[in-house]
Protein backbone atom coordinates (compact mmCIF):
# COMPACT_ATOMS: atom_id res chain seq x y z
CA MET A 1 -151.88 65.61 172.52
CA THR A 2 -154.10 62.53 172.93
CA ASP A 3 -157.91 62.48 173.27
CA THR A 4 -157.41 61.70 176.94
CA ASP A 5 -155.21 64.78 177.37
CA GLU A 6 -157.82 66.95 175.66
CA THR A 7 -160.55 65.58 177.91
CA ASP A 8 -158.43 66.21 180.97
CA THR A 9 -157.78 69.80 179.79
CA ASP A 10 -161.49 70.47 179.18
CA ALA A 11 -162.37 69.07 182.57
CA SER A 12 -159.67 71.20 184.18
CA ASP A 13 -161.00 74.34 182.45
CA LYS A 14 -164.55 73.60 183.59
CA SER A 15 -163.50 72.91 187.15
CA SER A 16 -161.46 76.12 187.30
CA GLY A 17 -164.25 78.22 185.81
CA ARG A 18 -162.08 79.26 182.86
CA PRO A 19 -163.63 79.40 179.38
CA GLY A 20 -162.67 76.82 176.81
CA VAL A 21 -160.61 77.67 173.74
CA GLY A 22 -162.81 79.25 171.07
CA SER A 23 -165.58 80.29 173.47
CA ASP A 24 -168.17 82.67 172.02
CA PRO A 25 -167.93 86.18 173.57
CA ALA A 26 -171.66 86.60 172.91
CA ARG A 27 -172.30 83.78 175.41
CA ASP A 28 -169.31 83.98 177.68
CA ALA A 29 -168.45 87.46 178.99
CA THR A 30 -165.11 86.25 180.33
CA VAL A 31 -163.68 86.14 176.79
CA ALA A 32 -165.35 89.35 175.59
CA GLU A 33 -163.44 92.56 174.85
CA VAL A 34 -165.29 94.41 177.56
CA GLU A 35 -163.62 97.79 177.03
CA VAL A 36 -164.33 97.73 173.29
CA GLU A 37 -167.94 96.68 173.87
CA GLU A 38 -168.49 99.43 176.44
CA THR A 39 -167.00 102.02 174.10
CA PHE A 40 -169.22 100.81 171.26
CA LEU A 41 -172.36 101.09 173.40
CA ASP A 42 -171.31 104.58 174.55
CA VAL A 43 -170.86 105.53 170.90
CA ILE A 44 -174.39 104.31 170.10
CA ASP A 45 -175.88 106.31 172.98
CA GLU A 46 -173.98 109.42 171.88
CA GLY A 47 -175.10 108.87 168.29
CA ARG A 48 -178.76 108.71 169.27
CA ARG A 49 -178.34 112.02 171.10
CA ARG A 50 -176.57 113.76 168.22
CA LEU A 51 -178.96 112.51 165.57
CA SER A 52 -182.01 113.52 167.61
CA ARG A 53 -181.03 117.16 167.96
CA ARG A 54 -183.30 119.81 166.52
CA THR A 55 -182.04 121.99 163.68
CA VAL A 56 -181.04 125.11 165.64
CA PRO A 57 -178.88 123.27 168.24
CA LEU A 58 -177.35 121.17 165.48
CA LEU A 59 -176.32 124.23 163.46
CA ALA A 60 -175.13 126.12 166.54
CA THR A 61 -172.92 123.20 167.59
CA GLY A 62 -171.44 123.02 164.10
CA ALA A 63 -170.84 126.77 163.92
CA VAL A 64 -168.95 126.88 167.22
CA GLY A 65 -166.98 123.85 166.00
CA GLY A 66 -165.79 125.96 163.07
CA VAL A 67 -164.89 128.79 165.43
CA ASP A 68 -163.01 126.43 167.76
CA VAL A 69 -160.90 125.05 164.92
CA GLY A 70 -160.41 128.64 163.80
CA THR A 71 -158.54 129.32 167.05
CA GLY A 72 -156.16 126.56 166.05
CA VAL A 73 -155.72 128.12 162.61
CA LEU A 74 -154.88 131.41 164.29
CA GLY A 75 -152.26 129.67 166.43
CA LEU A 76 -150.81 127.85 163.43
CA LEU A 77 -150.51 131.01 161.32
CA LEU A 78 -148.99 133.02 164.17
CA VAL A 79 -146.34 130.41 164.95
CA GLU A 80 -145.48 129.57 161.33
CA SER A 81 -145.19 133.26 160.42
CA MET A 82 -142.60 133.69 163.17
CA THR A 83 -140.75 130.37 162.91
CA ASP A 84 -141.47 128.98 159.43
CA ASN A 85 -141.58 125.62 161.20
CA PRO A 86 -144.55 123.32 160.36
CA LEU A 87 -143.88 121.13 163.39
CA LEU A 88 -144.27 124.04 165.80
CA GLY A 89 -147.25 125.22 163.77
CA GLY A 90 -148.83 121.78 164.20
CA LEU A 91 -148.41 121.99 167.96
CA ALA A 92 -149.99 125.44 168.00
CA PHE A 93 -152.89 124.16 165.90
CA SER A 94 -153.75 121.68 168.67
CA ILE A 95 -155.24 124.65 170.55
CA GLY A 96 -158.26 124.36 168.27
CA PHE A 97 -158.81 120.66 168.95
CA ILE A 98 -158.39 121.13 172.68
CA ALA A 99 -161.12 123.78 172.46
CA LEU A 100 -163.21 121.42 170.35
CA THR A 101 -162.93 118.73 173.03
CA LEU A 102 -163.49 120.86 176.12
CA ALA A 103 -166.26 122.99 174.59
CA ARG A 104 -168.25 119.94 173.37
CA SER A 105 -168.57 121.26 169.84
CA GLU A 106 -168.03 119.04 166.80
CA LEU A 107 -166.77 118.83 163.25
CA PHE A 108 -168.34 117.22 160.21
CA THR A 109 -165.55 114.63 160.21
CA GLU A 110 -166.21 113.78 163.87
CA ASP A 111 -169.62 112.58 162.76
CA PHE A 112 -168.28 109.50 160.96
CA LEU A 113 -167.77 106.97 163.74
CA ILE A 114 -170.61 107.91 166.09
CA PRO A 115 -173.69 108.41 163.88
CA VAL A 116 -172.62 105.85 161.26
CA SER A 117 -172.28 103.19 163.97
CA THR A 118 -175.69 104.24 165.28
CA VAL A 119 -177.27 103.80 161.84
CA ILE A 120 -175.57 100.42 161.36
CA ALA A 121 -176.98 99.35 164.73
CA ARG A 122 -180.48 100.37 163.53
CA GLN A 123 -180.81 103.02 166.20
CA ALA A 124 -181.31 105.85 163.69
CA ARG A 125 -182.32 106.35 160.07
CA ILE A 126 -179.98 107.09 157.18
CA ARG A 127 -181.82 110.33 156.45
CA MET A 128 -181.00 111.49 159.99
CA LEU A 129 -177.32 110.89 159.22
CA ALA A 130 -177.57 112.88 155.99
CA ARG A 131 -179.22 115.76 157.86
CA LEU A 132 -176.47 115.74 160.49
CA TRP A 133 -173.66 115.67 157.93
CA ILE A 134 -175.09 118.43 155.76
CA GLY A 135 -176.01 120.68 158.68
CA THR A 136 -172.74 120.24 160.55
CA LEU A 137 -170.61 120.69 157.43
CA ALA A 138 -172.41 123.89 156.42
CA ALA A 139 -172.24 125.29 159.96
CA ASN A 140 -168.54 124.38 160.35
CA LEU A 141 -167.74 126.25 157.15
CA ALA A 142 -169.86 129.28 158.04
CA GLY A 143 -168.37 129.61 161.52
CA GLY A 144 -164.85 129.07 160.22
CA TRP A 145 -165.28 131.53 157.36
CA LEU A 146 -166.43 134.28 159.73
CA PHE A 147 -163.72 133.59 162.31
CA THR A 148 -160.91 133.57 159.75
CA TRP A 149 -162.24 136.85 158.31
CA PHE A 150 -161.70 138.48 161.69
CA VAL A 151 -158.29 136.82 162.01
CA MET A 152 -157.07 138.27 158.73
CA ARG A 153 -158.52 141.70 159.46
CA GLY A 154 -156.83 141.70 162.86
CA TYR A 155 -153.49 140.29 161.69
CA PRO A 156 -152.65 141.55 158.18
CA SER A 157 -149.05 140.52 158.85
CA LEU A 158 -150.22 136.90 158.45
CA ASN A 159 -151.22 137.39 154.80
CA ALA A 160 -148.18 135.71 153.24
CA THR A 161 -148.35 132.71 155.61
CA ALA A 162 -152.09 132.29 155.04
CA ILE A 163 -151.67 132.34 151.25
CA LYS A 164 -148.86 129.79 151.39
CA SER A 165 -150.84 127.50 153.71
CA GLY A 166 -154.07 127.70 151.73
CA ALA A 167 -152.44 127.33 148.31
CA PHE A 168 -150.79 124.07 149.39
CA TYR A 169 -154.11 122.22 149.30
CA VAL A 170 -155.21 123.71 145.98
CA ASP A 171 -151.85 122.78 144.45
CA LEU A 172 -152.40 119.14 145.46
CA HIS A 173 -155.01 118.98 142.68
CA PHE A 174 -157.00 115.72 142.47
CA GLY A 175 -154.48 112.93 142.16
CA LEU A 176 -153.56 109.93 144.25
CA ARG A 177 -151.48 111.99 146.67
CA ALA A 178 -154.35 114.36 147.46
CA PHE A 179 -156.76 111.45 147.92
CA SER A 180 -154.31 109.51 150.10
CA LEU A 181 -153.80 112.52 152.36
CA ALA A 182 -157.59 112.90 152.58
CA VAL A 183 -158.06 109.23 153.51
CA LEU A 184 -155.40 109.61 156.21
CA GLY A 185 -157.07 112.78 157.46
CA GLY A 186 -160.41 111.03 157.84
CA ALA A 187 -158.83 108.03 159.55
CA VAL A 188 -156.89 110.18 162.04
CA ILE A 189 -159.89 112.27 163.10
CA THR A 190 -162.11 109.19 163.44
CA LEU A 191 -159.47 107.38 165.48
CA MET A 192 -159.38 110.44 167.72
CA THR A 193 -163.14 110.16 168.23
CA TRP A 194 -162.88 106.49 169.17
CA MET A 195 -160.02 107.10 171.59
CA GLN A 196 -161.90 109.93 173.28
CA HIS A 197 -164.95 107.73 173.82
CA GLY A 198 -162.77 105.08 175.43
CA THR A 199 -162.36 107.19 178.57
CA LYS A 200 -164.52 109.29 180.88
CA SER A 201 -161.61 111.53 181.90
CA MET A 202 -161.70 114.91 180.19
CA GLY A 203 -157.98 115.30 180.86
CA THR A 204 -157.24 112.04 179.07
CA ARG A 205 -159.44 113.04 176.13
CA ILE A 206 -157.15 115.98 175.47
CA VAL A 207 -154.27 113.62 174.58
CA PRO A 208 -155.83 112.23 171.36
CA ALA A 209 -157.04 115.75 170.51
CA ILE A 210 -153.47 117.07 170.60
CA THR A 211 -151.99 114.12 168.71
CA ALA A 212 -154.66 114.19 165.98
CA ALA A 213 -154.37 117.96 165.56
CA PHE A 214 -150.59 117.72 165.30
CA LEU A 215 -150.78 115.05 162.59
CA LEU A 216 -153.40 116.98 160.64
CA ALA A 217 -151.51 120.28 160.65
CA ALA A 218 -147.84 119.27 160.76
CA GLY A 219 -148.42 116.42 158.30
CA LYS A 220 -150.63 118.65 156.11
CA LEU A 221 -153.26 115.95 155.85
CA ASN A 222 -156.11 116.80 153.49
CA HIS A 223 -158.92 117.44 155.98
CA ALA A 224 -162.02 119.11 154.51
CA ILE A 225 -162.61 121.55 157.39
CA VAL A 226 -158.99 122.35 158.24
CA ASN A 227 -158.00 122.97 154.64
CA SER A 228 -161.16 125.05 154.11
CA LEU A 229 -160.32 127.38 156.98
CA LEU A 230 -156.77 127.82 155.75
CA MET A 231 -158.03 128.50 152.23
CA PHE A 232 -160.60 130.95 153.63
CA ALA A 233 -157.81 132.79 155.43
CA ALA A 234 -155.92 133.05 152.14
CA LEU A 235 -159.02 134.21 150.26
CA HIS A 236 -159.70 136.90 152.88
CA THR A 237 -156.37 138.51 152.03
CA GLY A 238 -157.67 139.37 148.57
CA HIS A 239 -154.43 138.09 147.00
CA ALA A 240 -154.92 134.33 146.94
CA PRO A 241 -153.87 132.65 143.66
CA PHE A 242 -157.16 130.71 143.64
CA GLY A 243 -160.86 131.45 144.02
CA TYR A 244 -163.91 130.06 145.79
CA LEU A 245 -164.59 127.59 142.98
CA ASP A 246 -161.13 126.12 143.51
CA TRP A 247 -161.86 125.94 147.23
CA ALA A 248 -165.16 124.13 146.66
CA LYS A 249 -163.59 121.51 144.39
CA THR A 250 -160.60 121.00 146.69
CA ALA A 251 -162.70 120.71 149.86
CA GLY A 252 -165.23 118.43 148.17
CA PHE A 253 -162.51 116.04 147.02
CA ALA A 254 -161.02 116.09 150.52
CA ALA A 255 -164.42 115.32 152.08
CA LEU A 256 -164.78 112.26 149.83
CA GLY A 257 -161.39 110.94 150.93
CA ASN A 258 -162.18 111.76 154.57
CA ILE A 259 -165.35 109.65 154.39
CA VAL A 260 -163.43 106.73 152.88
CA GLY A 261 -160.78 106.93 155.60
CA GLY A 262 -163.11 107.64 158.52
CA VAL A 263 -165.94 105.29 157.64
CA GLY A 264 -164.09 102.62 155.66
CA LEU A 265 -160.79 102.30 157.52
CA VAL A 266 -161.85 103.03 161.10
CA THR A 267 -165.61 102.89 161.70
CA ALA A 268 -166.25 99.66 159.75
CA LEU A 269 -163.37 97.85 161.45
CA ARG A 270 -164.40 99.04 164.93
CA VAL A 271 -167.92 97.75 164.31
CA LEU A 272 -166.51 94.39 163.19
CA GLN A 273 -164.69 94.08 166.52
CA VAL A 274 -168.00 93.52 168.31
CA PRO A 275 -170.33 91.75 165.85
CA HIS A 276 -172.48 90.20 168.58
CA LYS A 277 -173.16 93.62 170.12
CA VAL A 278 -174.08 94.98 166.70
CA ALA A 279 -176.44 92.03 166.24
CA GLU A 280 -178.05 92.69 169.62
CA GLU A 281 -178.62 96.34 168.79
CA ARG A 282 -179.99 95.54 165.33
CA ALA A 283 -182.39 93.02 166.86
CA ASN A 284 -183.87 95.82 168.98
CA PRO A 285 -184.09 98.82 166.63
CA ALA A 286 -185.14 102.26 167.80
CA VAL A 287 -188.76 103.28 167.37
CA GLY A 288 -189.52 104.31 163.80
CA VAL A 289 -186.31 103.00 162.24
CA PRO A 290 -187.61 99.89 160.43
CA MET A 291 -189.73 100.82 157.43
CA SER A 292 -192.56 98.57 158.65
CA ASP A 293 -192.42 99.89 162.22
CA HIS A 294 -195.82 101.26 163.21
CA ARG A 295 -194.82 102.25 166.72
CA ARG A 296 -195.45 105.90 167.36
CA VAL A 297 -192.71 108.47 167.63
CA ASP A 298 -193.90 111.55 169.49
CA VAL A 299 -192.43 114.68 167.91
CA PRO A 300 -193.17 117.99 169.72
């Protein structure tokens, strides 16, 4: 193409109102990924809300999240005890994630994309993220432990299935396979969170909940909360071939891999999709976030 052809093309683009090749989405909205940008801004708004919650609501939301996933564990154990089919068990487990979505509760691993993006955008402090993670994780485990205790007391016929399911994660030990399954588990749950924030339809949000739950359970991905509840169920039988120390080490290793997968593989890349929006948010940080910010934050 000659210089004259290029000039004619540029003039044609300008006359037609179309952006030129290589236009900056920060300056020209016609080449921006509008849906991605809107989802990112919704994530930031949701993150500010989650990170601003007081302690009691935060813990209550985490506890009911553990209970909701516990309903999925009940479904999984019931179906696998009758069919010995992990695929059907994975479908039954999706009951818990449907409940998680419709009931507006949350898991520790759901708090990767949303609050981390909010901290990156300078709309919250890192210590607020640490508080959310610790509180939600503890509450998830407490709610799940209690719910699975009732499950095993009510369904003693599920003992053998619970022990088999829980022992699987302990038997993974701490090698590359266990870590890979944990990374995948974190990536899947974080992708689910992003997909759910890409739509306002509650019916549509159920679709990623079902698909993520199926992959986690049927694929036996190493998810810190899911494997904890299955191990709790096994421990409640009184005949598990492992103890609470084994659970703690297994769940802790899974949580590390979940963070790598959720934050490193999904959250970081989603943030990099809209660098100009991140820059805009960082240029206007929330009150009290910068260390030198002397604006007042009113705390009741």
